[in-house]
PDB file of N, CA and C in Angstrom:
ATOM      1  N   MET A   1     219.770  80.220-106.514  1.00  0.00           N
ATOM      2  CA  MET A   1     221.184  79.943-106.446  1.00  0.00           C
ATOM      3  C   MET A   1     221.929  81.061-105.718  1.00  0.00           C
ATOM      4  N   ALA A   2     221.529  82.294-105.957  1.00  0.00           N
ATOM      5  CA  ALA A   2     222.166  83.438-105.311  1.00  0.00           C
ATOM      6  C   ALA A   2     221.936  83.403-103.811  1.00  0.00           C
ATOM      7  N   GLU A   3     220.725  82.954-103.404  1.00  0.00           N
ATOM      8  CA  GLU A   3     220.439  82.846-101.973  1.00  0.00           C
ATOM      9  C   GLU A   3     221.322  81.796-101.328  1.00  0.00           C
ATOM     10  N   SER A   4     221.554  80.689-102.024  1.00  0.00           N
ATOM     11  CA  SER A   4     222.389  79.612-101.509  1.00  0.00           C
ATOM     12  C   SER A   4     223.833  80.078-101.311  1.00  0.00           C
ATOM     13  N   SER A   5     224.380  80.800-102.268  1.00  0.00           N
ATOM     14  CA  SER A   5     225.758  81.273-102.134  1.00  0.00           C
ATOM     15  C   SER A   5     225.855  82.350-101.051  1.00  0.00           C
ATOM     16  N   GLU A   6     224.807  83.168-100.918  1.00  0.00           N
ATOM     17  CA  GLU A   6     224.798  84.191 -99.860  1.00  0.00           C
ATOM     18  C   GLU A   6     224.721  83.517 -98.490  1.00  0.00           C
ATOM     19  N   LEU A   7     223.912  82.475 -98.359  1.00  0.00           N
ATOM     20  CA  LEU A   7     223.805  81.731 -97.117  1.00  0.00           C
ATOM     21  C   LEU A   7     225.138  81.072 -96.774  1.00  0.00           C
ATOM     22  N   ARG A   8     225.778  80.500 -97.775  1.00  0.00           N
ATOM     23  CA  ARG A   8     227.084  79.857 -97.588  1.00  0.00           C
ATOM     24  C   ARG A   8     228.119  80.899 -97.140  1.00  0.00           C
ATOM     25  N   ARG A   9     228.101  82.066 -97.767  1.00  0.00           N
ATOM     26  CA  ARG A   9     229.035  83.127 -97.416  1.00  0.00           C
ATOM     27  C   ARG A   9     228.823  83.584 -95.973  1.00  0.00           C
ATOM     28  N   GLN A  10     227.572  83.684 -95.555  1.00  0.00           N
ATOM     29  CA  GLN A  10     227.261  84.078 -94.180  1.00  0.00           C
ATOM     30  C   GLN A  10     227.752  83.026 -93.183  1.00  0.00           C
ATOM     31  N   LYS A  11     227.553  81.754 -93.535  1.00  0.00           N
ATOM     32  CA  LYS A  11     228.014  80.678 -92.659  1.00  0.00           C
ATOM     33  C   LYS A  11     229.541  80.679 -92.549  1.00  0.00           C
ATOM     34  N   VAL A  12     230.203  80.888 -93.688  1.00  0.00           N
ATOM     35  CA  VAL A  12     231.669  80.944 -93.689  1.00  0.00           C
ATOM     36  C   VAL A  12     232.140  82.126 -92.843  1.00  0.00           C
ATOM     37  N   GLN A  13     231.486  83.262 -92.988  1.00  0.00           N
ATOM     38  CA  GLN A  13     231.859  84.449 -92.209  1.00  0.00           C
ATOM     39  C   GLN A  13     231.656  84.206 -90.716  1.00  0.00           C
ATOM     40  N   LYS A  14     230.549  83.547 -90.380  1.00  0.00           N
ATOM     41  CA  LYS A  14     230.268  83.246 -88.979  1.00  0.00           C
ATOM     42  C   LYS A  14     231.330  82.303 -88.418  1.00  0.00           C
ATOM     43  N   PHE A  15     231.726  81.320 -89.201  1.00  0.00           N
ATOM     44  CA  PHE A  15     232.765  80.384 -88.774  1.00  0.00           C
ATOM     45  C   PHE A  15     234.107  81.100 -88.615  1.00  0.00           C
ATOM     46  N   GLU A  16     234.458  81.971 -89.563  1.00  0.00           N
ATOM     47  CA  GLU A  16     235.714  82.729 -89.474  1.00  0.00           C
ATOM     48  C   GLU A  16     235.725  83.629 -88.245  1.00  0.00           C
ATOM     49  N   ASP A  17     234.597  84.247 -87.948  1.00  0.00           N
ATOM     50  CA  ASP A  17     234.495  85.084 -86.751  1.00  0.00           C
ATOM     51  C   ASP A  17     234.703  84.250 -85.488  1.00  0.00           C
ATOM     52  N   PHE A  18     234.137  83.051 -85.472  1.00  0.00           N
ATOM     53  CA  PHE A  18     234.305  82.160 -84.326  1.00  0.00           C
ATOM     54  C   PHE A  18     235.769  81.761 -84.157  1.00  0.00           C
ATOM     55  N   VAL A  19     236.420  81.426 -85.265  1.00  0.00           N
ATOM     56  CA  VAL A  19     237.829  81.048 -85.210  1.00  0.00           C
ATOM     57  C   VAL A  19     238.664  82.215 -84.698  1.00  0.00           C
ATOM     58  N   GLU A  20     238.447  83.403 -85.247  1.00  0.00           N
ATOM     59  CA  GLU A  20     239.229  84.584 -84.867  1.00  0.00           C
ATOM     60  C   GLU A  20     238.914  85.054 -83.451  1.00  0.00           C
ATOM     61  N   GLY A  21     237.645  85.033 -83.083  1.00  0.00           N
ATOM     62  CA  GLY A  21     237.226  85.584 -81.796  1.00  0.00           C
ATOM     63  C   GLY A  21     237.349  84.636 -80.626  1.00  0.00           C
ATOM     64  N   ARG A  22     237.270  83.342 -80.881  1.00  0.00           N
ATOM     65  CA  ARG A  22     237.260  82.382 -79.777  1.00  0.00           C
ATOM     66  C   ARG A  22     238.438  81.413 -79.821  1.00  0.00           C
ATOM     67  N   LEU A  23     238.633  80.748 -80.946  1.00  0.00           N
ATOM     68  CA  LEU A  23     239.632  79.690 -81.005  1.00  0.00           C
ATOM     69  C   LEU A  23     241.068  80.219 -80.964  1.00  0.00           C
ATOM     70  N   LYS A  24     241.359  81.269 -81.706  1.00  0.00           N
ATOM     71  CA  LYS A  24     242.723  81.793 -81.718  1.00  0.00           C
ATOM     72  C   LYS A  24     243.148  82.322 -80.347  1.00  0.00           C
ATOM     73  N   PRO A  25     242.318  83.113 -79.641  1.00  0.00           N
ATOM     74  CA  PRO A  25     242.718  83.535 -78.295  1.00  0.00           C
ATOM     75  C   PRO A  25     242.897  82.351 -77.332  1.00  0.00           C
ATOM     76  N   ASP A  26     242.042  81.341 -77.447  1.00  0.00           N
ATOM     77  CA  ASP A  26     242.194  80.150 -76.616  1.00  0.00           C
ATOM     78  C   ASP A  26     243.501  79.434 -76.922  1.00  0.00           C
ATOM     79  N   LEU A  27     243.875  79.380 -78.197  1.00  0.00           N
ATOM     80  CA  LEU A  27     245.120  78.749 -78.599  1.00  0.00           C
ATOM     81  C   LEU A  27     246.320  79.517 -78.059  1.00  0.00           C
ATOM     82  N   VAL A  28     246.282  80.823 -78.143  1.00  0.00           N
ATOM     83  CA  VAL A  28     247.372  81.649 -77.614  1.00  0.00           C
ATOM     84  C   VAL A  28     247.518  81.422 -76.115  1.00  0.00           C
ATOM     85  N   ASN A  29     246.407  81.361 -75.404  1.00  0.00           N
ATOM     86  CA  ASN A  29     246.425  81.119 -73.958  1.00  0.00           C
ATOM     87  C   ASN A  29     246.983  79.730 -73.641  1.00  0.00           C
ATOM     88  N   ALA A  30     246.561  78.730 -74.382  1.00  0.00           N
ATOM     89  CA  ALA A  30     247.044  77.359 -74.155  1.00  0.00           C
ATOM     90  C   ALA A  30     248.545  77.253 -74.417  1.00  0.00           C
ATOM     91  N   ILE A  31     249.023  77.921 -75.454  1.00  0.00           N
ATOM     92  CA  ILE A  31     250.453  77.892 -75.758  1.00  0.00           C
ATOM     93  C   ILE A  31     251.248  78.577 -74.649  1.00  0.00           C
ATOM     94  N   ALA A  32     250.735  79.689 -74.119  1.00  0.00           N
ATOM     95  CA  ALA A  32     251.415  80.394 -73.028  1.00  0.00           C
ATOM     96  C   ALA A  32     251.485  79.517 -71.781  1.00  0.00           C
ATOM     97  N   GLN A  33     250.401  78.820 -71.468  1.00  0.00           N
ATOM     98  CA  GLN A  33     250.398  77.932 -70.305  1.00  0.00           C
ATOM     99  C   GLN A  33     251.351  76.764 -70.510  1.00  0.00           C
ATOM    100  N   ARG A  34     251.386  76.218 -71.734  1.00  0.00           N
ATOM    101  CA  ARG A  34     252.312  75.127 -72.042  1.00  0.00           C
ATOM    102  C   ARG A  34     253.755  75.583 -71.881  1.00  0.00           C
ATOM    103  N   ASP A  35     254.053  76.789 -72.343  1.00  0.00           N
ATOM    104  CA  ASP A  35     255.411  77.312 -72.232  1.00  0.00           C
ATOM    105  C   ASP A  35     255.826  77.488 -70.770  1.00  0.00           C
ATOM    106  N   LYS A  36     254.880  77.882 -69.906  1.00  0.00           N
ATOM    107  CA  LYS A  36     255.173  77.998 -68.469  1.00  0.00           C
ATOM    108  C   LYS A  36     255.514  76.631 -67.888  1.00  0.00           C
ATOM    109  N   VAL A  37     254.773  75.611 -68.287  1.00  0.00           N
ATOM    110  CA  VAL A  37     255.047  74.256 -67.796  1.00  0.00           C
ATOM    111  C   VAL A  37     256.411  73.793 -68.290  1.00  0.00           C
ATOM    112  N   PHE A  38     256.740  74.055 -69.562  1.00  0.00           N
ATOM    113  CA  PHE A  38     258.057  73.695 -70.093  1.00  0.00           C
ATOM    114  C   PHE A  38     259.167  74.386 -69.307  1.00  0.00           C
ATOM    115  N   GLU A  39     258.962  75.649 -68.954  1.00  0.00           N
ATOM    116  CA  GLU A  39     259.969  76.397 -68.185  1.00  0.00           C
ATOM    117  C   GLU A  39     260.141  75.785 -66.799  1.00  0.00           C
ATOM    118  N   GLN A  40     259.041  75.411 -66.158  1.00  0.00           N
ATOM    119  CA  GLN A  40     259.134  74.767 -64.845  1.00  0.00           C
ATOM    120  C   GLN A  40     259.847  73.429 -64.957  1.00  0.00           C
ATOM    121  N   GLN A  41     259.556  72.665 -66.008  1.00  0.00           N
ATOM    122  CA  GLN A  41     260.241  71.385 -66.205  1.00  0.00           C
ATOM    123  C   GLN A  41     261.739  71.596 -66.359  1.00  0.00           C
ATOM    124  N   LYS A  42     262.133  72.615 -67.091  1.00  0.00           N
ATOM    125  CA  LYS A  42     263.546  72.905 -67.294  1.00  0.00           C
ATOM    126  C   LYS A  42     264.215  73.274 -65.972  1.00  0.00           C
ATOM    127  N   ILE A  43     263.544  74.087 -65.175  1.00  0.00           N
ATOM    128  CA  ILE A  43     264.103  74.496 -63.881  1.00  0.00           C
ATOM    129  C   ILE A  43     264.325  73.279 -62.989  1.00  0.00           C
ATOM    130  N   PHE A  44     263.326  72.398 -62.907  1.00  0.00           N
ATOM    131  CA  PHE A  44     263.471  71.212 -62.056  1.00  0.00           C
ATOM    132  C   PHE A  44     264.509  70.248 -62.623  1.00  0.00           C
ATOM    133  N   SER A  45     264.578  70.141 -63.920  1.00  0.00           N
ATOM    134  CA  SER A  45     265.588  69.285 -64.544  1.00  0.00           C
ATOM    135  C   SER A  45     266.996  69.799 -64.236  1.00  0.00           C
ATOM    136  N   ASP A  46     267.185  71.118 -64.337  1.00  0.00           N
ATOM    137  CA  ASP A  46     268.485  71.717 -64.022  1.00  0.00           C
ATOM    138  C   ASP A  46     268.848  71.505 -62.555  1.00  0.00           C
ATOM    139  N   LEU A  47     267.874  71.686 -61.661  1.00  0.00           N
ATOM    140  CA  LEU A  47     268.125  71.489 -60.239  1.00  0.00           C
ATOM    141  C   LEU A  47     268.501  70.042 -59.958  1.00  0.00           C
ATOM    142  N   LYS A  48     267.785  69.118 -60.567  1.00  0.00           N
ATOM    143  CA  LYS A  48     268.075  67.698 -60.392  1.00  0.00           C
ATOM    144  C   LYS A  48     269.497  67.380 -60.849  1.00  0.00           C
ATOM    145  N   ARG A  49     269.859  67.893 -62.017  1.00  0.00           N
ATOM    146  CA  ARG A  49     271.200  67.659 -62.546  1.00  0.00           C
ATOM    147  C   ARG A  49     272.265  68.255 -61.622  1.00  0.00           C
ATOM    148  N   ASN A  50     272.029  69.471 -61.112  1.00  0.00           N
ATOM    149  CA  ASN A  50     272.991  70.104 -60.217  1.00  0.00           C
ATOM    150  C   ASN A  50     273.157  69.329 -58.913  1.00  0.00           C
ATOM    151  N   ILE A  51     272.074  68.834 -58.367  1.00  0.00           N
ATOM    152  CA  ILE A  51     272.154  68.039 -57.135  1.00  0.00           C
ATOM    153  C   ILE A  51     272.923  66.749 -57.401  1.00  0.00           C
ATOM    154  N   GLN A  52     272.650  66.123 -58.535  1.00  0.00           N
ATOM    155  CA  GLN A  52     273.372  64.885 -58.870  1.00  0.00           C
ATOM    156  C   GLN A  52     274.862  65.139 -59.043  1.00  0.00           C
ATOM    157  N   VAL A  53     275.224  66.275 -59.630  1.00  0.00           N
ATOM    158  CA  VAL A  53     276.640  66.629 -59.779  1.00  0.00           C
ATOM    159  C   VAL A  53     277.269  66.850 -58.404  1.00  0.00           C
ATOM    160  N   LEU A  54     276.549  67.532 -57.512  1.00  0.00           N
ATOM    161  CA  LEU A  54     277.060  67.736 -56.157  1.00  0.00           C
ATOM    162  C   LEU A  54     277.249  66.408 -55.436  1.00  0.00           C
ATOM    163  N   GLU A  55     276.285  65.504 -55.571  1.00  0.00           N
ATOM    164  CA  GLU A  55     276.398  64.185 -54.934  1.00  0.00           C
ATOM    165  C   GLU A  55     277.603  63.427 -55.479  1.00  0.00           C
ATOM    166  N   LYS A  56     277.749  63.450 -56.792  1.00  0.00           N
ATOM    167  CA  LYS A  56     278.829  62.703 -57.432  1.00  0.00           C
ATOM    168  C   LYS A  56     280.195  63.249 -57.049  1.00  0.00           C
ATOM    169  N   SER A  57     280.313  64.578 -56.981  1.00  0.00           N
ATOM    170  CA  SER A  57     281.607  65.182 -56.657  1.00  0.00           C
ATOM    171  C   SER A  57     281.885  65.170 -55.161  1.00  0.00           C
ATOM    172  N   GLY A  58     280.859  65.017 -54.355  1.00  0.00           N
ATOM    173  CA  GLY A  58     281.034  65.015 -52.904  1.00  0.00           C
ATOM    174  C   GLY A  58     281.369  66.390 -52.352  1.00  0.00           C
ATOM    175  N   ALA A  59     281.037  67.426 -53.090  1.00  0.00           N
ATOM    176  CA  ALA A  59     281.340  68.790 -52.658  1.00  0.00           C
ATOM    177  C   ALA A  59     280.523  69.159 -51.432  1.00  0.00           C
ATOM    178  N   THR A  60     281.201  69.748 -50.459  1.00  0.00           N
ATOM    179  CA  THR A  60     280.504  70.189 -49.250  1.00  0.00           C
ATOM    180  C   THR A  60     280.380  71.706 -49.201  1.00  0.00           C
ATOM    181  N   SER A  61     281.118  72.402 -50.067  1.00  0.00           N
ATOM    182  CA  SER A  61     280.985  73.853 -50.165  1.00  0.00           C
ATOM    183  C   SER A  61     281.023  74.228 -51.647  1.00  0.00           C
ATOM    184  N   LEU A  62     280.594  75.457 -51.908  1.00  0.00           N
ATOM    185  CA  LEU A  62     280.438  75.856 -53.301  1.00  0.00           C
ATOM    186  C   LEU A  62     280.617  77.360 -53.419  1.00  0.00           C
ATOM    187  N   ARG A  63     281.263  77.783 -54.481  1.00  0.00           N
ATOM    188  CA  ARG A  63     281.355  79.203 -54.826  1.00  0.00           C
ATOM    189  C   ARG A  63     280.640  79.369 -56.162  1.00  0.00           C
ATOM    190  N   THR A  64     279.716  80.312 -56.225  1.00  0.00           N
ATOM    191  CA  THR A  64     278.904  80.490 -57.426  1.00  0.00           C
ATOM    192  C   THR A  64     278.595  81.962 -57.644  1.00  0.00           C
ATOM    193  N   ARG A  65     277.946  82.257 -58.750  1.00  0.00           N
ATOM    194  CA  ARG A  65     277.456  83.605 -59.025  1.00  0.00           C
ATOM    195  C   ARG A  65     275.941  83.577 -59.015  1.00  0.00           C
ATOM    196  N   VAL A  66     275.356  84.619 -58.437  1.00  0.00           N
ATOM    197  CA  VAL A  66     273.901  84.711 -58.329  1.00  0.00           C
ATOM    198  C   VAL A  66     273.439  85.959 -59.081  1.00  0.00           C
ATOM    199  N   ASN A  67     272.432  85.789 -59.933  1.00  0.00           N
ATOM    200  CA  ASN A  67     271.864  86.907 -60.688  1.00  0.00           C
ATOM    201  C   ASN A  67     270.884  87.650 -59.794  1.00  0.00           C
ATOM    202  N   LEU A  68     271.187  88.914 -59.512  1.00  0.00           N
ATOM    203  CA  LEU A  68     270.309  89.733 -58.682  1.00  0.00           C
ATOM    204  C   LEU A  68     269.185  90.369 -59.490  1.00  0.00           C
ATOM    205  N   GLY A  69     269.285  90.286 -60.796  1.00  0.00           N
ATOM    206  CA  GLY A  69     268.310  90.895 -61.680  1.00  0.00           C
ATOM    207  C   GLY A  69     269.007  91.873 -62.605  1.00  0.00           C
ATOM    208  N   SER A  70     268.426  92.074 -63.758  1.00  0.00           N
ATOM    209  CA  SER A  70     268.993  92.969 -64.769  1.00  0.00           C
ATOM    210  C   SER A  70     270.433  92.605 -65.096  1.00  0.00           C
ATOM    211  N   GLU A  71     270.712  91.309 -65.072  1.00  0.00           N
ATOM    212  CA  GLU A  71     272.044  90.793 -65.399  1.00  0.00           C
ATOM    213  C   GLU A  71     273.134  91.337 -64.481  1.00  0.00           C
ATOM    214  N   VAL A  72     272.798  91.627 -63.225  1.00  0.00           N
ATOM    215  CA  VAL A  72     273.763  92.027 -62.201  1.00  0.00           C
ATOM    216  C   VAL A  72     274.047  90.797 -61.358  1.00  0.00           C
ATOM    217  N   TYR A  73     275.301  90.382 -61.325  1.00  0.00           N
ATOM    218  CA  TYR A  73     275.693  89.157 -60.625  1.00  0.00           C
ATOM    219  C   TYR A  73     276.573  89.487 -59.427  1.00  0.00           C
ATOM    220  N   VAL A  74     276.464  88.679 -58.385  1.00  0.00           N
ATOM    221  CA  VAL A  74     277.356  88.749 -57.234  1.00  0.00           C
ATOM    222  C   VAL A  74     277.890  87.351 -56.962  1.00  0.00           C
ATOM    223  N   GLN A  75     279.059  87.321 -56.365  1.00  0.00           N
ATOM    224  CA  GLN A  75     279.656  86.040 -56.012  1.00  0.00           C
ATOM    225  C   GLN A  75     279.075  85.586 -54.675  1.00  0.00           C
ATOM    226  N   ALA A  76     278.778  84.311 -54.586  1.00  0.00           N
ATOM    227  CA  ALA A  76     278.202  83.762 -53.360  1.00  0.00           C
ATOM    228  C   ALA A  76     278.995  82.535 -52.939  1.00  0.00           C
ATOM    229  N   ASP A  77     279.240  82.436 -51.650  1.00  0.00           N
ATOM    230  CA  ASP A  77     279.886  81.257 -51.076  1.00  0.00           C
ATOM    231  C   ASP A  77     278.844  80.477 -50.305  1.00  0.00           C
ATOM    232  N   VAL A  78     278.729  79.199 -50.627  1.00  0.00           N
ATOM    233  CA  VAL A  78     277.793  78.315 -49.932  1.00  0.00           C
ATOM    234  C   VAL A  78     278.640  77.384 -49.065  1.00  0.00           C
ATOM    235  N   PRO A  79     278.637  77.585 -47.743  1.00  0.00           N
ATOM    236  CA  PRO A  79     279.525  76.792 -46.884  1.00  0.00           C
ATOM    237  C   PRO A  79     279.081  75.332 -46.729  1.00  0.00           C
ATOM    238  N   ASP A  80     277.783  75.066 -46.843  1.00  0.00           N
ATOM    239  CA  ASP A  80     277.284  73.700 -46.666  1.00  0.00           C
ATOM    240  C   ASP A  80     276.274  73.404 -47.765  1.00  0.00           C
ATOM    241  N   THR A  81     276.654  72.544 -48.695  1.00  0.00           N
ATOM    242  CA  THR A  81     275.768  72.236 -49.829  1.00  0.00           C
ATOM    243  C   THR A  81     274.894  71.011 -49.576  1.00  0.00           C
ATOM    244  N   ARG A  82     274.982  70.431 -48.394  1.00  0.00           N
ATOM    245  CA  ARG A  82     274.215  69.204 -48.138  1.00  0.00           C
ATOM    246  C   ARG A  82     272.720  69.447 -48.062  1.00  0.00           C
ATOM    247  N   ARG A  83     272.314  70.694 -47.914  1.00  0.00           N
ATOM    248  CA  ARG A  83     270.899  71.048 -47.880  1.00  0.00           C
ATOM    249  C   ARG A  83     270.642  72.125 -48.921  1.00  0.00           C
ATOM    250  N   VAL A  84     269.472  72.045 -49.566  1.00  0.00           N
ATOM    251  CA  VAL A  84     269.098  73.028 -50.578  1.00  0.00           C
ATOM    252  C   VAL A  84     267.695  73.546 -50.282  1.00  0.00           C
ATOM    253  N   PHE A  85     267.457  74.791 -50.660  1.00  0.00           N
ATOM    254  CA  PHE A  85     266.127  75.370 -50.543  1.00  0.00           C
ATOM    255  C   PHE A  85     265.458  75.265 -51.908  1.00  0.00           C
ATOM    256  N   VAL A  86     264.241  74.735 -51.915  1.00  0.00           N
ATOM    257  CA  VAL A  86     263.506  74.535 -53.157  1.00  0.00           C
ATOM    258  C   VAL A  86     262.211  75.335 -53.086  1.00  0.00           C
ATOM    259  N   ASP A  87     261.958  76.088 -54.147  1.00  0.00           N
ATOM    260  CA  ASP A  87     260.710  76.848 -54.267  1.00  0.00           C
ATOM    261  C   ASP A  87     259.586  75.858 -54.556  1.00  0.00           C
ATOM    262  N   ILE A  88     258.656  75.739 -53.612  1.00  0.00           N
ATOM    263  CA  ILE A  88     257.559  74.778 -53.786  1.00  0.00           C
ATOM    264  C   ILE A  88     256.286  75.453 -54.282  1.00  0.00           C
ATOM    265  N   GLY A  89     256.352  76.757 -54.519  1.00  0.00           N
ATOM    266  CA  GLY A  89     255.206  77.482 -55.042  1.00  0.00           C
ATOM    267  C   GLY A  89     254.619  78.432 -54.029  1.00  0.00           C
ATOM    268  N   LEU A  90     253.864  79.383 -54.529  1.00  0.00           N
ATOM    269  CA  LEU A  90     253.187  80.395 -53.706  1.00  0.00           C
ATOM    270  C   LEU A  90     254.162  81.176 -52.832  1.00  0.00           C
ATOM    271  N   GLY A  91     255.424  81.269 -53.261  1.00  0.00           N
ATOM    272  CA  GLY A  91     256.422  82.029 -52.521  1.00  0.00           C
ATOM    273  C   GLY A  91     257.042  81.281 -51.348  1.00  0.00           C
ATOM    274  N   PHE A  92     256.736  80.008 -51.193  1.00  0.00           N
ATOM    275  CA  PHE A  92     257.287  79.225 -50.095  1.00  0.00           C
ATOM    276  C   PHE A  92     258.498  78.429 -50.571  1.00  0.00           C
ATOM    277  N   HIS A  93     259.499  78.343 -49.707  1.00  0.00           N
ATOM    278  CA  HIS A  93     260.693  77.551 -49.963  1.00  0.00           C
ATOM    279  C   HIS A  93     260.863  76.559 -48.819  1.00  0.00           C
ATOM    280  N   VAL A  94     261.293  75.358 -49.162  1.00  0.00           N
ATOM    281  CA  VAL A  94     261.493  74.310 -48.168  1.00  0.00           C
ATOM    282  C   VAL A  94     262.952  73.874 -48.219  1.00  0.00           C
ATOM    283  N   GLU A  95     263.526  73.682 -47.043  1.00  0.00           N
ATOM    284  CA  GLU A  95     264.893  73.188 -46.961  1.00  0.00           C
ATOM    285  C   GLU A  95     264.860  71.660 -47.039  1.00  0.00           C
ATOM    286  N   PHE A  96     265.563  71.101 -48.028  1.00  0.00           N
ATOM    287  CA  PHE A  96     265.602  69.663 -48.259  1.00  0.00           C
ATOM    288  C   PHE A  96     267.044  69.166 -48.209  1.00  0.00           C
ATOM    289  N   THR A  97     267.183  67.900 -47.830  1.00  0.00           N
ATOM    290  CA  THR A  97     268.451  67.230 -48.092  1.00  0.00           C
ATOM    291  C   THR A  97     268.459  66.892 -49.572  1.00  0.00           C
ATOM    292  N   TRP A  98     269.594  66.448 -50.080  1.00  0.00           N
ATOM    293  CA  TRP A  98     269.662  66.121 -51.503  1.00  0.00           C
ATOM    294  C   TRP A  98     268.645  65.048 -51.881  1.00  0.00           C
ATOM    295  N   SER A  99     268.559  63.990 -51.076  1.00  0.00           N
ATOM    296  CA  SER A  99     267.635  62.900 -51.424  1.00  0.00           C
ATOM    297  C   SER A  99     266.180  63.353 -51.332  1.00  0.00           C
ATOM    298  N   GLU A 100     265.856  64.169 -50.334  1.00  0.00           N
ATOM    299  CA  GLU A 100     264.494  64.698 -50.231  1.00  0.00           C
ATOM    300  C   GLU A 100     264.167  65.593 -51.420  1.00  0.00           C
ATOM    301  N   ALA A 101     265.124  66.409 -51.831  1.00  0.00           N
ATOM    302  CA  ALA A 101     264.909  67.297 -52.978  1.00  0.00           C
ATOM    303  C   ALA A 101     264.698  66.481 -54.247  1.00  0.00           C
ATOM    304  N   LEU A 102     265.498  65.424 -54.438  1.00  0.00           N
ATOM    305  CA  LEU A 102     265.338  64.586 -55.632  1.00  0.00           C
ATOM    306  C   LEU A 102     263.976  63.894 -55.640  1.00  0.00           C
ATOM    307  N   ASP A 103     263.512  63.443 -54.477  1.00  0.00           N
ATOM    308  CA  ASP A 103     262.180  62.839 -54.379  1.00  0.00           C
ATOM    309  C   ASP A 103     261.097  63.860 -54.739  1.00  0.00           C
ATOM    310  N   PHE A 104     261.225  65.064 -54.178  1.00  0.00           N
ATOM    311  CA  PHE A 104     260.256  66.118 -54.474  1.00  0.00           C
ATOM    312  C   PHE A 104     260.262  66.462 -55.962  1.00  0.00           C
ATOM    313  N   ILE A 105     261.449  66.559 -56.550  1.00  0.00           N
ATOM    314  CA  ILE A 105     261.568  66.889 -57.966  1.00  0.00           C
ATOM    315  C   ILE A 105     260.904  65.813 -58.824  1.00  0.00           C
ATOM    316  N   SER A 106     261.088  64.544 -58.461  1.00  0.00           N
ATOM    317  CA  SER A 106     260.457  63.459 -59.222  1.00  0.00           C
ATOM    318  C   SER A 106     258.938  63.578 -59.196  1.00  0.00           C
ATOM    319  N   VAL A 107     258.388  63.886 -58.024  1.00  0.00           N
ATOM    320  CA  VAL A 107     256.939  64.049 -57.901  1.00  0.00           C
ATOM    321  C   VAL A 107     256.467  65.244 -58.718  1.00  0.00           C
ATOM    322  N   ARG A 108     257.198  66.353 -58.628  1.00  0.00           N
ATOM    323  CA  ARG A 108     256.809  67.562 -59.365  1.00  0.00           C
ATOM    324  C   ARG A 108     256.926  67.351 -60.872  1.00  0.00           C
ATOM    325  N   GLU A 109     257.977  66.665 -61.317  1.00  0.00           N
ATOM    326  CA  GLU A 109     258.129  66.392 -62.746  1.00  0.00           C
ATOM    327  C   GLU A 109     256.985  65.526 -63.264  1.00  0.00           C
ATOM    328  N   ALA A 110     256.575  64.540 -62.475  1.00  0.00           N
ATOM    329  CA  ALA A 110     255.451  63.692 -62.878  1.00  0.00           C
ATOM    330  C   ALA A 110     254.169  64.509 -62.984  1.00  0.00           C
ATOM    331  N   ARG A 111     253.974  65.422 -62.042  1.00  0.00           N
ATOM    332  CA  ARG A 111     252.780  66.278 -62.077  1.00  0.00           C
ATOM    333  C   ARG A 111     252.792  67.182 -63.302  1.00  0.00           C
ATOM    334  N   LEU A 112     253.944  67.771 -63.593  1.00  0.00           N
ATOM    335  CA  LEU A 112     254.049  68.662 -64.746  1.00  0.00           C
ATOM    336  C   LEU A 112     253.828  67.887 -66.050  1.00  0.00           C
ATOM    337  N   THR A 113     254.337  66.665 -66.108  1.00  0.00           N
ATOM    338  CA  THR A 113     254.136  65.833 -67.298  1.00  0.00           C
ATOM    339  C   THR A 113     252.650  65.513 -67.478  1.00  0.00           C
ATOM    340  N   SER A 114     251.964  65.244 -66.369  1.00  0.00           N
ATOM    341  CA  SER A 114     250.527  64.931 -66.461  1.00  0.00           C
ATOM    342  C   SER A 114     249.725  66.153 -66.919  1.00  0.00           C
ATOM    343  N   ILE A 115     250.195  67.351 -66.601  1.00  0.00           N
ATOM    344  CA  ILE A 115     249.500  68.559 -67.036  1.00  0.00           C
ATOM    345  C   ILE A 115     249.566  68.680 -68.569  1.00  0.00           C
ATOM    346  N   LEU A 116     250.673  68.248 -69.151  1.00  0.00           N
ATOM    347  CA  LEU A 116     250.854  68.383 -70.595  1.00  0.00           C
ATOM    348  C   LEU A 116     250.049  67.368 -71.394  1.00  0.00           C
ATOM    349  N   ARG A 117     249.557  66.361 -70.756  1.00  0.00           N
ATOM    350  CA  ARG A 117     248.799  65.329 -71.488  1.00  0.00           C
ATOM    351  C   ARG A 117     247.398  65.732 -71.736  1.00  0.00           C
TER     352      ARG A 117
END
């Protein structure tokens, strides 16, 4: 009986080591990757909403504040809002019309949603 309980204790310890050493770090990594996808979804959702507001208002120019980093803001004047630059990844930005940007955002949102499944 003592051998059986010792064997059980060893198996439990081995399982706990596996959970602590392998599963928990994998879970932390998966949660971090999920959070990055959620952040990208939020960015594209905000951009989509802003473009739709611009379309609805018919604004051709815009005055805004831009965060330079460390919560330092500067005022920016955008003389022509009919085109927007969108970060497509790897440090590249593409100039889109509003409709092209909305199409791109729809494709990117679908891709991000598929990653979460």
